[in-house]
């Protein structure tokens, strides 16, 4: 799991790493100060130095709060679009849609689910590069993706057979390809390593709240508008929520912010001075605030060298496997929860749609609490392991209890655990790499494996196995036992690498003073 080096340039220097679990002062290097933003007078006494530090700290807190209020809400909304899709089609799955479109024959419904993910995997890396590229940037890229996703979702409300639905979902996957990895790169660029997990949790909280509310909205659309204007209720789910998504796309262009080094270009956000301070605090944390130039005009594949070289680091693929294991479960639950409630627990269609919402509202609590603990105590691996154990318990209750109430409580535990671990895994990988193009490559790789897990997860909930769904239960439990094993191996490796770094025998991530967070 050796760290790969950038194709050119010398090792970077960063300040003391508060995000890593290491002995205070061990292996410390001198902090790199941003003299332009915070000029120091050599003759200033200690009181003046303290005042300067307090002023800088206050300014950084103000900038962080501005970023929280500006970035996290819109990023959470955009993250929710992927789950919005799963919410619509899973709710529609217990209506007349499968019969109307002949999706109830063979594996057509599973095909319609996994083709969305397969399409997304194909476009994730180039779409994420567009988000990070100065030529396009997050504002234009996310706005275009969201508008396209909304338009296709709206159009899906008018398809007439299963083949047209599959085609629509190919386009949906392509439109959404860069949203998850692009937001992962953008959020990690704005926060220090000790601040990231809670911010990822806030994104995930917004995402699951929208998903849960979408379930209630889907129920209302299905029951209130069924037959209106000659359209079945499930078609209104696509039409109404696709229209809302297109509006969010327009809003995104004006509300989304750029990366720290270009923050002053964002509309109504930071001043030039504040943008310099924002960039300086990230530079002190890990020394990678600005990416190397990406030359689109280079012949052949040479221009992609700065990105693709990071595939040589085995650590990236280890992170990707963790995402695969997580999304085996999240896909099966997010797409099939109403089906499980209907076919496995005996609820009617409208009750199955309604009862699929509360577990997602509950999931906000473990996601926020576990992420706060993770950031507060600089823990990553133990949080992932704890959540994995909770998921194993939840699936045990879902699969092996004979009481409907106990099985339903199991969906709460399982949903809360996988939602919390999404934030934990994002912080885990973002904390332990440096370099902007490596972040782009890693975000695309883990999202691709996340999607591959989604493809596998779309086939593990088998209707003939109702009401127990033992295949889904055992695969979900087994995947999280493997997750615990992978995290344990990572922790041993990170501990040994940090010890060698403190002894001056190891340069981690080609960055002086950098240590792993585990």
Protein backbone atom coordinates (compact mmCIF):
# COMPACT_ATOMS: atom_id res chain seq x y z
CA UNK A 1 0.00 0.00 0.00
CA UNK A 2 2.85 2.37 -0.69
CA UNK A 3 1.94 5.92 -1.55
CA UNK A 4 2.52 7.04 -5.10
CA UNK A 5 4.49 10.15 -5.92
CA UNK A 6 3.41 12.92 -8.24
CA UNK A 7 4.97 12.72 -11.68
CA UNK A 8 7.07 15.78 -11.05
CA UNK A 9 8.03 18.23 -8.34
CA UNK A 10 9.67 17.92 -4.95
CA UNK A 11 8.16 16.82 -1.69
CA UNK A 12 5.66 19.22 -0.16
CA UNK A 13 5.90 20.55 3.37
CA UNK A 14 2.94 20.95 5.67
CA UNK A 15 2.39 21.97 9.26
CA UNK A 16 1.80 19.67 12.22
CA UNK A 17 -0.96 17.25 11.36
CA UNK A 18 -3.78 17.55 13.83
CA UNK A 19 -5.75 14.99 11.85
CA UNK A 20 -3.33 12.14 12.54
CA UNK A 21 -3.17 10.01 15.66
CA UNK A 22 0.40 10.57 16.77
CA UNK A 23 2.32 11.70 19.81
CA UNK A 24 2.21 15.48 20.29
CA UNK A 25 5.36 17.04 18.94
CA UNK A 26 6.76 13.78 17.58
CA UNK A 27 8.30 14.20 14.17
CA UNK A 28 7.00 17.74 13.97
CA UNK A 29 8.07 20.14 11.28
CA UNK A 30 7.89 23.87 11.31
CA UNK A 31 4.50 25.22 10.35
CA UNK A 32 4.30 26.84 6.94
CA UNK A 33 2.73 30.23 7.41
CA UNK A 34 1.03 32.29 4.75
CA UNK A 35 3.00 35.50 5.12
CA UNK A 36 0.89 37.35 2.56
CA UNK A 37 -2.30 36.79 4.51
CA UNK A 38 -0.69 37.08 7.96
CA UNK A 39 2.47 39.24 7.88
CA UNK A 40 4.65 38.84 10.95
CA UNK A 41 6.86 41.57 12.46
CA UNK A 42 10.13 40.09 13.67
CA UNK A 43 10.25 42.52 16.59
CA UNK A 44 6.67 41.92 17.77
CA UNK A 45 6.40 40.78 21.38
CA UNK A 46 4.51 37.69 22.53
CA UNK A 47 1.33 39.66 23.25
CA UNK A 48 1.19 40.94 19.68
CA UNK A 49 1.78 37.41 18.43
CA UNK A 50 -1.08 36.12 20.55
CA UNK A 51 -3.38 38.86 19.29
CA UNK A 52 -2.44 38.02 15.71
CA UNK A 53 -3.11 34.34 16.27
CA UNK A 54 -6.49 35.11 17.84
CA UNK A 55 -7.43 37.36 14.94
CA UNK A 56 -6.42 34.69 12.45
CA UNK A 57 -8.32 32.02 14.35
CA UNK A 58 -11.45 34.18 14.48
CA UNK A 59 -11.19 34.92 10.75
CA UNK A 60 -10.75 31.23 9.93
CA UNK A 61 -13.79 30.30 12.05
CA UNK A 62 -15.84 32.93 10.22
CA UNK A 63 -14.72 31.59 6.85
CA UNK A 64 -15.50 28.01 7.92
CA UNK A 65 -18.99 29.05 9.00
CA UNK A 66 -19.56 30.83 5.69
CA UNK A 67 -18.44 27.69 3.89
CA UNK A 68 -20.73 25.51 6.02
CA UNK A 69 -23.74 27.69 5.23
CA UNK A 70 -22.94 28.05 1.55
CA UNK A 71 -21.49 24.70 0.47
CA UNK A 72 -23.09 22.04 2.67
CA UNK A 73 -26.78 22.78 1.87
CA UNK A 74 -26.40 22.81 -1.92
CA UNK A 75 -23.98 19.87 -1.83
CA UNK A 76 -26.49 17.91 0.26
CA UNK A 77 -29.24 18.70 -2.24
CA UNK A 78 -27.12 17.54 -5.16
CA UNK A 79 -26.09 14.36 -3.32
CA UNK A 80 -29.77 13.62 -2.76
CA UNK A 81 -30.45 13.45 -6.50
CA UNK A 82 -28.87 10.01 -6.75
CA UNK A 83 -31.04 8.73 -3.91
CA UNK A 84 -33.98 10.68 -5.34
CA UNK A 85 -33.79 8.37 -8.35
CA UNK A 86 -33.69 5.26 -6.17
CA UNK A 87 -36.55 6.66 -4.08
CA UNK A 88 -38.77 7.22 -7.11
CA UNK A 89 -38.19 3.88 -8.78
CA UNK A 90 -38.38 1.90 -5.52
CA UNK A 91 -41.67 3.59 -4.62
CA UNK A 92 -42.97 3.05 -8.15
CA UNK A 93 -41.99 -0.62 -7.92
CA UNK A 94 -44.92 -1.30 -5.57
CA UNK A 95 -47.42 0.46 -7.86
CA UNK A 96 -48.63 -0.46 -11.35
CA UNK A 97 -45.33 0.58 -13.00
CA UNK A 98 -43.82 -2.92 -13.30
CA UNK A 99 -46.98 -4.18 -14.97
CA UNK A 100 -47.47 -1.09 -17.13
CA UNK A 101 -43.93 -1.29 -18.51
CA UNK A 102 -43.53 -5.11 -18.38
CA UNK A 103 -40.70 -4.70 -15.85
CA UNK A 104 -42.09 -7.60 -13.82
CA UNK A 105 -40.85 -10.18 -16.31
CA UNK A 106 -37.57 -11.94 -15.59
CA UNK A 107 -34.76 -9.65 -14.36
CA UNK A 108 -35.93 -6.53 -16.19
CA UNK A 109 -36.43 -4.50 -13.01
CA UNK A 110 -32.93 -5.36 -11.75
CA UNK A 111 -31.58 -4.50 -15.22
CA UNK A 112 -33.24 -1.08 -15.04
CA UNK A 113 -31.55 -0.50 -11.69
CA UNK A 114 -28.01 -1.61 -12.44
CA UNK A 115 -27.80 -0.05 -15.93
CA UNK A 116 -28.02 3.34 -14.21
CA UNK A 117 -24.92 2.51 -12.19
CA UNK A 118 -23.05 1.00 -15.13
CA UNK A 119 -23.59 4.16 -17.17
CA UNK A 120 -22.36 6.28 -14.28
CA UNK A 121 -19.16 4.27 -13.87
CA UNK A 122 -18.24 4.87 -17.51
CA UNK A 123 -18.36 8.67 -17.14
CA UNK A 124 -17.17 9.25 -13.58
CA UNK A 125 -13.49 10.03 -14.11
CA UNK A 126 -13.88 12.52 -17.01
CA UNK A 127 -16.84 14.18 -15.28
CA UNK A 128 -14.83 14.60 -12.06
CA UNK A 129 -11.90 16.07 -13.99
CA UNK A 130 -14.33 18.64 -15.45
CA UNK A 131 -15.42 19.63 -11.94
CA UNK A 132 -11.79 20.21 -10.86
CA UNK A 133 -10.68 21.83 -14.13
CA UNK A 134 -10.44 25.66 -14.09
CA UNK A 135 -11.86 25.64 -17.63
CA UNK A 136 -15.23 24.35 -16.36
CA UNK A 137 -15.29 24.26 -12.56
CA UNK A 138 -17.93 23.16 -10.06
CA UNK A 139 -20.53 25.85 -10.76
CA UNK A 140 -21.00 25.13 -14.46
CA UNK A 141 -20.37 21.38 -14.16
CA UNK A 142 -22.83 20.71 -11.32
CA UNK A 143 -25.49 22.99 -12.82
CA UNK A 144 -25.31 21.21 -16.20
CA UNK A 145 -25.40 17.76 -14.58
CA UNK A 146 -28.41 18.64 -12.44
CA UNK A 147 -30.37 20.18 -15.31
CA UNK A 148 -29.74 17.14 -17.48
CA UNK A 149 -30.70 14.76 -14.69
CA UNK A 150 -33.95 16.64 -14.05
CA UNK A 151 -34.89 16.72 -17.72
CA UNK A 152 -34.37 12.97 -18.16
CA UNK A 153 -36.23 12.20 -14.91
CA UNK A 154 -39.18 14.23 -16.14
CA UNK A 155 -39.07 12.43 -19.47
CA UNK A 156 -39.05 9.04 -17.72
CA UNK A 157 -42.60 9.78 -16.64
CA UNK A 158 -43.74 9.38 -20.24
CA UNK A 159 -41.98 6.16 -21.30
CA UNK A 160 -44.22 3.42 -22.67
CA UNK A 161 -42.29 0.19 -22.24
CA UNK A 162 -39.43 -1.33 -20.26
CA UNK A 163 -36.83 -0.77 -22.99
CA UNK A 164 -37.51 2.98 -22.98
CA UNK A 165 -37.18 3.03 -19.18
CA UNK A 166 -33.83 1.26 -19.41
CA UNK A 167 -32.67 3.80 -22.04
CA UNK A 168 -33.77 6.68 -19.81
CA UNK A 169 -31.79 5.23 -16.92
CA UNK A 170 -28.66 4.99 -19.07
CA UNK A 171 -28.96 8.75 -19.63
CA UNK A 172 -29.68 9.35 -15.93
CA UNK A 173 -26.51 7.50 -14.94
CA UNK A 174 -24.40 9.50 -17.38
CA UNK A 175 -25.90 12.80 -16.18
CA UNK A 176 -25.19 12.01 -12.52
CA UNK A 177 -21.74 10.47 -13.04
CA UNK A 178 -19.68 13.38 -11.70
CA UNK A 179 -21.88 14.55 -8.85
CA UNK A 180 -20.78 12.18 -6.04
CA UNK A 181 -17.04 12.14 -6.79
CA UNK A 182 -17.02 15.83 -7.70
CA UNK A 183 -18.64 16.83 -4.43
CA UNK A 184 -16.25 14.57 -2.50
CA UNK A 185 -13.30 16.40 -4.07
CA UNK A 186 -14.85 19.84 -3.51
CA UNK A 187 -15.81 19.28 0.14
CA UNK A 188 -12.44 17.74 1.02
CA UNK A 189 -10.74 20.74 -0.64
CA UNK A 190 -12.49 23.20 1.67
CA UNK A 191 -11.95 21.51 5.06
CA UNK A 192 -8.97 20.34 7.05
CA UNK A 193 -8.70 16.64 7.71
CA UNK A 194 -9.98 17.05 11.27
CA UNK A 195 -13.17 18.73 9.98
CA UNK A 196 -14.15 16.49 7.08
CA UNK A 197 -16.18 13.61 8.49
CA UNK A 198 -18.79 15.84 10.13
CA UNK A 199 -19.21 17.78 6.87
CA UNK A 200 -19.63 14.59 4.89
CA UNK A 201 -22.20 13.53 7.48
CA UNK A 202 -24.10 16.79 7.00
CA UNK A 203 -24.21 16.07 3.28
CA UNK A 204 -25.42 12.56 3.92
CA UNK A 205 -28.00 13.83 6.42
CA UNK A 206 -29.44 16.20 3.83
CA UNK A 207 -29.40 13.38 1.30
CA UNK A 208 -31.33 10.88 3.39
CA UNK A 209 -33.81 13.51 4.63
CA UNK A 210 -34.62 14.32 1.00
CA UNK A 211 -34.90 10.60 0.25
CA UNK A 212 -37.21 10.00 3.20
CA UNK A 213 -39.32 13.05 2.38
CA UNK A 214 -39.35 11.92 -1.25
CA UNK A 215 -40.98 8.68 -0.10
CA UNK A 216 -43.79 10.64 1.54
CA UNK A 217 -44.08 12.88 -1.53
CA UNK A 218 -44.23 9.79 -3.74
CA UNK A 219 -47.04 8.40 -1.62
CA UNK A 220 -48.96 11.69 -1.92
CA UNK A 221 -48.42 11.88 -5.68
CA UNK A 222 -49.46 8.26 -6.14
CA UNK A 223 -52.62 8.53 -4.07
CA UNK A 224 -53.69 12.08 -5.04
CA UNK A 225 -52.76 12.36 -8.70
CA UNK A 226 -53.33 8.82 -9.96
CA UNK A 227 -55.25 9.24 -13.21
CA UNK A 228 -54.90 13.04 -13.34
CA UNK A 229 -54.38 14.29 -16.92
CA UNK A 230 -54.50 10.68 -18.02
CA UNK A 231 -51.26 9.78 -16.21
CA UNK A 232 -50.83 7.00 -13.67
CA UNK A 233 -49.73 8.04 -10.17
CA UNK A 234 -46.24 6.59 -10.58
CA UNK A 235 -45.69 8.76 -13.68
CA UNK A 236 -46.40 11.89 -11.63
CA UNK A 237 -43.55 10.89 -9.30
CA UNK A 238 -41.09 11.29 -12.19
CA UNK A 239 -42.73 14.40 -13.68
CA UNK A 240 -43.00 16.44 -10.48
CA UNK A 241 -39.63 15.55 -9.01
CA UNK A 242 -37.88 15.92 -12.36
CA UNK A 243 -39.27 19.45 -12.64
CA UNK A 244 -38.05 20.30 -9.13
CA UNK A 245 -34.60 18.94 -9.99
CA UNK A 246 -34.36 21.19 -13.04
CA UNK A 247 -35.10 24.20 -10.83
CA UNK A 248 -32.34 23.07 -8.46
CA UNK A 249 -30.01 22.93 -11.47
CA UNK A 250 -30.61 26.61 -12.20
CA UNK A 251 -30.13 27.48 -8.51
CA UNK A 252 -26.87 25.50 -8.45
CA UNK A 253 -25.16 27.80 -10.94
CA UNK A 254 -25.63 30.80 -8.66
CA UNK A 255 -25.27 29.09 -5.26
CA UNK A 256 -22.37 26.65 -5.78
CA UNK A 257 -18.89 27.84 -4.82
CA UNK A 258 -15.52 27.27 -6.50
CA UNK A 259 -12.39 25.69 -5.02
CA UNK A 260 -10.45 27.62 -2.31
CA UNK A 261 -7.75 29.00 -4.59
CA UNK A 262 -10.50 30.39 -6.88
CA UNK A 263 -13.03 31.21 -4.15
CA UNK A 264 -13.15 34.91 -5.02
CA UNK A 265 -14.77 33.95 -8.34
CA UNK A 266 -17.79 32.55 -6.52
CA UNK A 267 -20.87 34.77 -6.48
CA UNK A 268 -21.53 36.67 -3.22
CA UNK A 269 -19.12 34.57 -1.14
CA UNK A 270 -15.59 35.49 0.04
CA UNK A 271 -13.49 38.58 -0.46
CA UNK A 272 -10.00 38.32 -1.96
CA UNK A 273 -8.47 38.47 1.53
CA UNK A 274 -10.80 35.80 2.90
CA UNK A 275 -10.13 33.58 -0.13
CA UNK A 276 -6.38 33.82 0.53
CA UNK A 277 -6.88 32.85 4.17
CA UNK A 278 -9.12 29.92 3.18
CA UNK A 279 -6.48 28.62 0.80
CA UNK A 280 -3.70 29.15 3.38
CA UNK A 281 -5.39 27.06 6.08
CA UNK A 282 -5.74 24.10 3.72
CA UNK A 283 -2.15 24.52 2.55
CA UNK A 284 -0.99 24.35 6.18
CA UNK A 285 -3.04 21.21 6.77
CA UNK A 286 -1.74 19.08 3.89
CA UNK A 287 0.08 21.23 1.33
CA UNK A 288 -2.08 20.46 -1.72
CA UNK A 289 -4.46 23.39 -2.09
CA UNK A 290 -3.59 24.00 -5.75
CA UNK A 291 -3.52 21.25 -8.40
CA UNK A 292 -0.89 20.86 -11.09
CA UNK A 293 -2.00 22.22 -14.47
CA UNK A 294 -4.04 19.78 -16.53
CA UNK A 295 -3.20 20.22 -20.22
CA UNK A 296 -6.27 19.31 -22.26
CA UNK A 297 -4.38 20.11 -25.47
CA UNK A 298 -1.62 17.51 -25.03
CA UNK A 299 -1.52 14.83 -27.68
CA UNK A 300 -2.89 11.39 -26.95
CA UNK A 301 -3.15 10.30 -23.31
CA UNK A 302 -0.21 12.41 -22.09
CA UNK A 303 -2.52 15.02 -20.58
CA UNK A 304 -4.10 12.36 -18.36
CA UNK A 305 -0.79 11.28 -16.88
CA UNK A 306 -1.15 13.52 -13.81
CA UNK A 307 -4.43 11.77 -13.03
CA UNK A 308 -3.94 8.15 -14.08
CA UNK A 309 -0.54 7.72 -12.37
CA UNK A 310 -2.31 7.54 -9.02
CA UNK A 311 -3.82 4.21 -10.01
CA UNK A 312 -0.40 2.75 -9.12
CA UNK A 313 -1.09 3.28 -5.41
CA UNK A 314 -2.68 0.06 -4.02
CA UNK A 315 -4.15 2.06 -1.16
CA UNK A 316 -6.59 3.71 -3.57
CA UNK A 317 -7.99 0.33 -4.59
CA UNK A 318 -8.25 -0.75 -0.97
CA UNK A 319 -10.47 2.25 -0.32
CA UNK A 320 -12.45 1.38 -3.45
CA UNK A 321 -13.13 -2.15 -2.17
CA UNK A 322 -14.54 -0.69 1.05
CA UNK A 323 -17.02 1.35 -0.99
CA UNK A 324 -17.98 -1.75 -2.99
CA UNK A 325 -18.74 -3.64 0.22
CA UNK A 326 -20.77 -0.75 1.63
CA UNK A 327 -22.91 -0.22 -1.45
CA UNK A 328 -23.85 -3.88 -1.69
CA UNK A 329 -26.06 -3.08 1.28
CA UNK A 330 -27.07 0.52 0.59
CA UNK A 331 -28.39 -0.31 -2.89
CA UNK A 332 -30.36 -3.31 -1.73
CA UNK A 333 -31.97 -1.26 1.04
CA UNK A 334 -32.56 2.01 -0.82
CA UNK A 335 -34.06 0.38 -3.91
CA UNK A 336 -35.82 -2.57 -2.32
CA UNK A 337 -36.94 -1.39 1.15
CA UNK A 338 -40.56 -0.79 0.04
CA UNK A 339 -40.55 -4.22 -1.63
CA UNK A 340 -39.20 -5.81 1.57
CA UNK A 341 -41.88 -4.05 3.61
CA UNK A 342 -44.60 -5.17 1.21
CA UNK A 343 -43.50 -8.68 0.27
CA UNK A 344 -41.53 -9.55 3.39
CA UNK A 345 -43.61 -7.95 6.13
CA UNK A 346 -47.07 -7.90 4.54
CA UNK A 347 -47.74 -4.14 4.34
CA UNK A 348 -49.93 -2.66 1.60
CA UNK A 349 -48.44 -0.58 -1.23
CA UNK A 350 -49.17 2.82 0.33
CA UNK A 351 -48.03 1.71 3.82
CA UNK A 352 -44.84 0.22 2.37
CA UNK A 353 -44.01 3.56 0.72
CA UNK A 354 -44.74 5.50 3.92
CA UNK A 355 -42.92 3.11 6.28
CA UNK A 356 -39.77 3.23 4.15
CA UNK A 357 -39.26 6.89 5.18
CA UNK A 358 -38.70 6.74 9.01
CA UNK A 359 -35.50 4.61 8.90
CA UNK A 360 -33.87 7.34 6.80
CA UNK A 361 -34.91 10.10 9.20
CA UNK A 362 -33.43 8.03 12.01
CA UNK A 363 -30.18 7.57 10.05
CA UNK A 364 -29.38 11.28 10.46
CA UNK A 365 -28.71 10.78 14.18
CA UNK A 366 -26.05 8.03 14.01
CA UNK A 367 -24.43 9.74 11.00
CA UNK A 368 -24.02 13.08 12.82
CA UNK A 369 -23.09 11.64 16.23
CA UNK A 370 -20.53 9.12 14.95
CA UNK A 371 -18.98 11.75 12.67
CA UNK A 372 -18.71 14.28 15.50
CA UNK A 373 -16.95 11.65 17.62
CA UNK A 374 -14.69 10.77 14.69
CA UNK A 375 -13.60 14.37 14.12
CA UNK A 376 -13.38 15.22 17.82
CA UNK A 377 -11.10 12.30 18.71
CA UNK A 378 -9.38 11.91 15.32
CA UNK A 379 -10.85 8.41 14.85
CA UNK A 380 -11.67 6.86 11.50
CA UNK A 381 -11.22 3.07 11.54
CA UNK A 382 -12.97 2.41 14.89
CA UNK A 383 -16.02 4.40 13.75
CA UNK A 384 -16.27 2.34 10.55
CA UNK A 385 -15.96 -0.91 12.51
CA UNK A 386 -18.64 0.14 15.03
CA UNK A 387 -21.07 1.05 12.25
CA UNK A 388 -20.36 -2.23 10.48
CA UNK A 389 -21.18 -4.17 13.64
CA UNK A 390 -24.47 -2.25 13.98
CA UNK A 391 -25.35 -3.16 10.39
CA UNK A 392 -24.59 -6.84 11.02
CA UNK A 393 -26.92 -6.74 14.03
CA UNK A 394 -29.64 -4.99 12.01
CA UNK A 395 -29.54 -7.53 9.20
CA UNK A 396 -29.55 -10.33 11.74
CA UNK A 397 -32.80 -8.94 13.16
CA UNK A 398 -34.21 -8.46 9.66
CA UNK A 399 -33.38 -11.97 8.52
CA UNK A 400 -33.76 -14.20 11.54
CA UNK A 401 -36.55 -12.75 13.69
CA UNK A 402 -40.14 -13.93 13.29
CA UNK A 403 -41.66 -10.72 14.68
CA UNK A 404 -42.48 -7.97 12.20
CA UNK A 405 -41.72 -5.22 14.76
CA UNK A 406 -38.24 -6.62 15.44
CA UNK A 407 -37.54 -6.97 11.72
CA UNK A 408 -38.65 -3.39 11.12
CA UNK A 409 -36.34 -2.14 13.89
CA UNK A 410 -33.57 -4.05 12.12
CA UNK A 411 -34.08 -1.83 9.05
CA UNK A 412 -33.42 1.20 11.30
CA UNK A 413 -30.12 -0.23 12.55
CA UNK A 414 -28.99 -1.28 9.09
CA UNK A 415 -29.97 2.00 7.43
CA UNK A 416 -28.40 4.16 10.14
CA UNK A 417 -25.17 2.15 9.99
CA UNK A 418 -24.63 2.32 6.24
CA UNK A 419 -25.55 6.02 6.07
CA UNK A 420 -23.08 6.80 8.88
CA UNK A 421 -20.38 4.74 7.19
CA UNK A 422 -20.72 6.65 3.94
CA UNK A 423 -19.49 9.77 5.75
CA UNK A 424 -16.85 7.76 7.62
CA UNK A 425 -15.43 6.18 4.45
CA UNK A 426 -15.33 9.53 2.68
CA UNK A 427 -13.29 11.02 5.51
CA UNK A 428 -11.13 7.87 5.72
CA UNK A 429 -9.96 8.10 2.12
CA UNK A 430 -9.82 11.91 1.94
CA UNK A 431 -7.72 12.09 5.13
CA UNK A 432 -5.08 9.71 3.84
CA UNK A 433 -4.17 11.05 0.41
CA UNK A 434 -2.67 14.33 -0.81
CA UNK A 435 -2.61 16.06 -4.17
CA UNK A 436 -5.63 17.42 -6.01
CA UNK A 437 -5.43 15.10 -9.03
CA UNK A 438 -4.97 12.14 -6.70
CA UNK A 439 -8.16 13.24 -4.96
CA UNK A 440 -9.90 13.37 -8.34
CA UNK A 441 -8.68 9.90 -9.31
CA UNK A 442 -9.49 8.40 -5.90
CA UNK A 443 -12.96 9.96 -5.78
CA UNK A 444 -13.76 8.59 -9.24
CA UNK A 445 -12.31 5.16 -8.42
CA UNK A 446 -14.16 4.71 -5.14
CA UNK A 447 -17.40 5.97 -6.69
CA UNK A 448 -16.97 3.52 -9.57
CA UNK A 449 -16.50 0.64 -7.12
CA UNK A 450 -19.41 2.04 -5.12
CA UNK A 451 -21.43 1.73 -8.32
CA UNK A 452 -20.17 -1.78 -8.95
CA UNK A 453 -21.39 -2.67 -5.47
CA UNK A 454 -24.71 -1.17 -6.47
CA UNK A 455 -24.88 -3.45 -9.50
CA UNK A 456 -24.26 -6.48 -7.32
CA UNK A 457 -26.65 -5.19 -4.66
CA UNK A 458 -29.47 -4.85 -7.18
CA UNK A 459 -29.51 -8.65 -7.57
CA UNK A 460 -29.26 -9.86 -3.97
CA UNK A 461 -32.87 -9.06 -2.94
CA UNK A 462 -34.78 -11.91 -4.59
CA UNK A 463 -38.56 -11.88 -4.58
CA UNK A 464 -38.90 -15.70 -4.44
CA UNK A 465 -37.06 -15.60 -1.08
CA UNK A 466 -39.72 -13.40 0.57
CA UNK A 467 -40.30 -12.90 3.44
CA UNK A 468 -36.75 -13.74 4.70
CA UNK A 469 -34.50 -12.68 1.79
CA UNK A 470 -31.67 -14.86 3.10
CA UNK A 471 -29.35 -14.15 0.15
CA UNK A 472 -29.48 -10.40 0.86
CA UNK A 473 -29.08 -10.97 4.59
CA UNK A 474 -26.04 -13.25 4.37
CA UNK A 475 -24.28 -11.24 1.65
CA UNK A 476 -24.81 -8.02 3.64
CA UNK A 477 -23.44 -9.58 6.82
CA UNK A 478 -20.50 -11.14 4.99
CA UNK A 479 -19.62 -7.91 3.19
CA UNK A 480 -19.33 -6.06 6.47
CA UNK A 481 -17.23 -8.76 8.08
CA UNK A 482 -14.86 -8.23 5.14
CA UNK A 483 -15.06 -4.46 5.68
CA UNK A 484 -13.93 -4.91 9.30
CA UNK A 485 -11.02 -7.06 8.10
CA UNK A 486 -9.94 -4.48 5.49
CA UNK A 487 -10.08 -1.60 7.98
CA UNK A 488 -8.05 -3.62 10.49
CA UNK A 489 -5.34 -4.23 7.87
CA UNK A 490 -5.33 -0.54 6.92
CA UNK A 491 -4.98 0.45 10.58
CA UNK A 492 -1.95 -1.80 11.08
CA UNK A 493 -0.35 -0.45 7.91
CA UNK A 494 -1.06 3.19 8.84
CA UNK A 495 0.29 2.68 12.37
CA UNK A 496 3.54 1.21 11.08
CA UNK A 497 3.94 3.90 8.41
CA UNK A 498 3.39 6.69 10.96
CA UNK A 499 5.94 5.14 13.31
CA UNK A 500 8.54 5.04 10.54
CA UNK A 501 7.69 8.64 9.63
CA UNK A 502 8.27 9.79 13.22
CA UNK A 503 11.66 8.06 13.16
CA UNK A 504 12.55 9.89 9.96
CA UNK A 505 12.59 6.66 7.90
CA UNK A 506 9.49 7.26 5.78
CA UNK A 507 8.05 10.07 3.64
CA UNK A 508 4.29 9.59 3.43
CA UNK A 509 2.37 10.77 0.36
CA UNK A 510 5.49 12.65 -0.82
CA UNK A 511 4.66 15.31 1.81
CA UNK A 512 6.97 16.29 4.66
CA UNK A 513 5.22 16.04 8.03
CA UNK A 514 2.19 14.14 6.71
CA UNK A 515 0.85 11.23 8.75
CA UNK A 516 -2.03 8.87 8.18
CA UNK A 517 -5.29 9.23 10.09
CA UNK A 518 -6.83 5.98 11.26
